[in-house]
Amino acid sequence: QVQLVESGGGLVQPGGSLRLSCAASGIIVSMYAMAWYRQAPGKQRELVALITRGGGTNYADSVKGRFTISRDNAKNSVYLQMNSLKAEDTAVYYCYADRRPIATPSWGQGTQVTVSS
């Protein structure tokens, strides 16, 4: 079945950078819309970045100009490059894959990103 495994989270200082990775099994990521969501304590889960099958991208206003979503078909992986990190970026980040109506969406387990001095 589908498995999405996130990695790359951790503790980083404000202004720093992290790159999150999502390694997919059971799907071919180029055939799916892929996205990153995040959920901060006490807040609703939020769409951060989306990449379509055709390669188009969309970003939450809060991360535009700082985050970049990308796909590596050879590695069957999706990435989120996060620059100029702020304390408000602290959250659990989740990888997401969608190919409805062929299959129900899939979620990874999440990886913690903490931005703090």
Protein backbone atom coordinates (compact mmCIF):
# COMPACT_ATOMS: atom_id res chain seq x y z
CA GLN A 1 0.00 0.00 0.00
CA VAL A 2 0.96 3.66 0.02
CA GLN A 3 3.62 4.86 2.41
CA LEU A 4 4.90 8.43 2.79
CA VAL A 5 7.89 8.91 5.08
CA GLU A 6 8.96 12.42 6.03
CA SER A 7 12.43 13.34 7.21
CA GLY A 8 14.57 16.41 7.72
CA GLY A 9 12.76 18.05 10.59
CA GLY A 10 14.48 19.29 13.70
CA LEU A 11 15.44 22.34 15.70
CA VAL A 12 16.65 25.40 13.83
CA GLN A 13 17.29 29.02 14.78
CA PRO A 14 15.16 31.86 13.41
CA GLY A 15 16.44 32.85 9.99
CA GLY A 16 17.79 29.39 9.33
CA SER A 17 16.89 26.80 6.72
CA LEU A 18 15.70 23.20 6.58
CA ARG A 19 14.85 20.84 3.75
CA LEU A 20 12.12 18.32 4.39
CA SER A 21 11.97 15.12 2.36
CA CYS A 22 9.03 12.85 1.61
CA ALA A 23 9.99 9.40 0.35
CA ALA A 24 7.05 7.64 -1.30
CA SER A 25 6.37 3.94 -1.73
CA GLY A 26 3.41 2.31 -3.44
CA ILE A 27 2.83 5.32 -5.69
CA ILE A 28 4.69 7.19 -8.40
CA VAL A 29 4.84 10.77 -7.19
CA SER A 30 4.81 12.25 -10.69
CA MET A 31 1.32 10.80 -11.13
CA TYR A 32 -0.05 12.46 -7.98
CA ALA A 33 -0.74 15.90 -6.70
CA MET A 34 1.67 16.22 -3.78
CA ALA A 35 1.53 18.67 -0.92
CA TRP A 36 2.95 19.67 2.41
CA TYR A 37 0.65 20.55 5.28
CA ARG A 38 1.52 21.68 8.77
CA GLN A 39 -0.21 21.78 12.12
CA ALA A 40 0.94 23.97 14.97
CA PRO A 41 -0.18 23.38 18.57
CA GLY A 42 -3.75 24.55 19.07
CA LYS A 43 -4.23 25.35 15.39
CA GLN A 44 -5.97 23.72 12.43
CA ARG A 45 -3.96 21.80 9.86
CA GLU A 46 -2.89 24.18 7.10
CA LEU A 47 -1.91 23.67 3.47
CA VAL A 48 1.63 24.97 3.05
CA ALA A 49 2.58 24.06 -0.52
CA LEU A 50 1.14 22.04 -3.41
CA ILE A 51 2.61 20.68 -6.63
CA THR A 52 0.28 19.32 -9.30
CA ARG A 53 0.86 16.46 -11.72
CA GLY A 54 1.68 19.08 -14.32
CA GLY A 55 4.25 20.77 -12.09
CA GLY A 56 2.28 23.84 -11.11
CA THR A 57 2.75 25.05 -7.55
CA ASN A 58 0.77 26.96 -4.95
CA TYR A 59 1.82 28.28 -1.55
CA ALA A 60 0.20 29.62 1.55
CA ASP A 61 0.56 33.38 1.80
CA SER A 62 2.52 32.97 5.02
CA VAL A 63 5.34 31.07 3.27
CA LYS A 64 5.45 32.66 -0.19
CA GLY A 65 8.96 33.71 -1.09
CA ARG A 66 10.47 31.54 1.65
CA PHE A 67 9.42 27.94 0.91
CA THR A 68 9.76 25.90 -2.29
CA ILE A 69 8.13 22.56 -3.05
CA SER A 70 9.83 20.29 -5.59
CA ARG A 71 9.67 16.76 -6.96
CA ASP A 72 12.48 14.35 -7.88
CA ASN A 73 11.02 11.63 -10.08
CA ALA A 74 14.22 9.56 -10.08
CA LYS A 75 14.07 9.32 -6.28
CA ASN A 76 10.26 9.18 -6.16
CA SER A 77 10.42 11.90 -3.53
CA VAL A 78 9.03 15.34 -2.78
CA TYR A 79 10.86 18.09 -0.93
CA LEU A 80 10.09 21.29 0.91
CA GLN A 81 12.95 23.78 1.06
CA MET A 82 12.31 26.17 3.94
CA ASN A 83 14.36 29.35 4.18
CA SER A 84 14.22 32.37 6.48
CA LEU A 85 12.42 30.33 9.09
CA LYS A 86 10.35 32.07 11.73
CA ALA A 87 9.07 30.97 15.10
CA GLU A 88 5.57 30.85 13.61
CA ASP A 89 6.74 28.08 11.26
CA THR A 90 7.02 25.73 14.24
CA ALA A 91 4.68 22.81 13.53
CA VAL A 92 4.44 19.18 12.59
CA TYR A 93 4.82 18.98 8.81
CA TYR A 94 2.95 16.30 6.86
CA CYS A 95 3.43 14.95 3.35
CA TYR A 96 0.23 14.38 1.35
CA ALA A 97 -0.54 12.55 -1.91
CA ASP A 98 -3.78 12.78 -3.90
CA ARG A 99 -4.95 11.01 -7.06
CA ARG A 100 -8.70 11.07 -6.63
CA PRO A 101 -10.88 9.43 -7.89
CA ILE A 102 -8.40 6.61 -8.53
CA ALA A 103 -7.29 6.43 -4.89
CA THR A 104 -8.05 8.01 -1.56
CA PRO A 105 -5.51 10.61 -0.36
CA SER A 106 -2.56 9.46 1.73
CA TRP A 107 -0.75 11.14 4.62
CA GLY A 108 2.66 10.68 6.13
CA GLN A 109 3.26 10.42 9.85
CA GLY A 110 4.71 13.91 10.11
CA THR A 111 8.02 15.44 11.10
CA GLN A 112 8.51 18.08 13.78
CA VAL A 113 10.00 21.45 12.85
CA THR A 114 10.89 23.73 15.75
CA VAL A 115 12.19 27.25 15.12
CA SER A 116 13.66 28.71 18.29
CA SER A 117 16.73 30.45 19.62
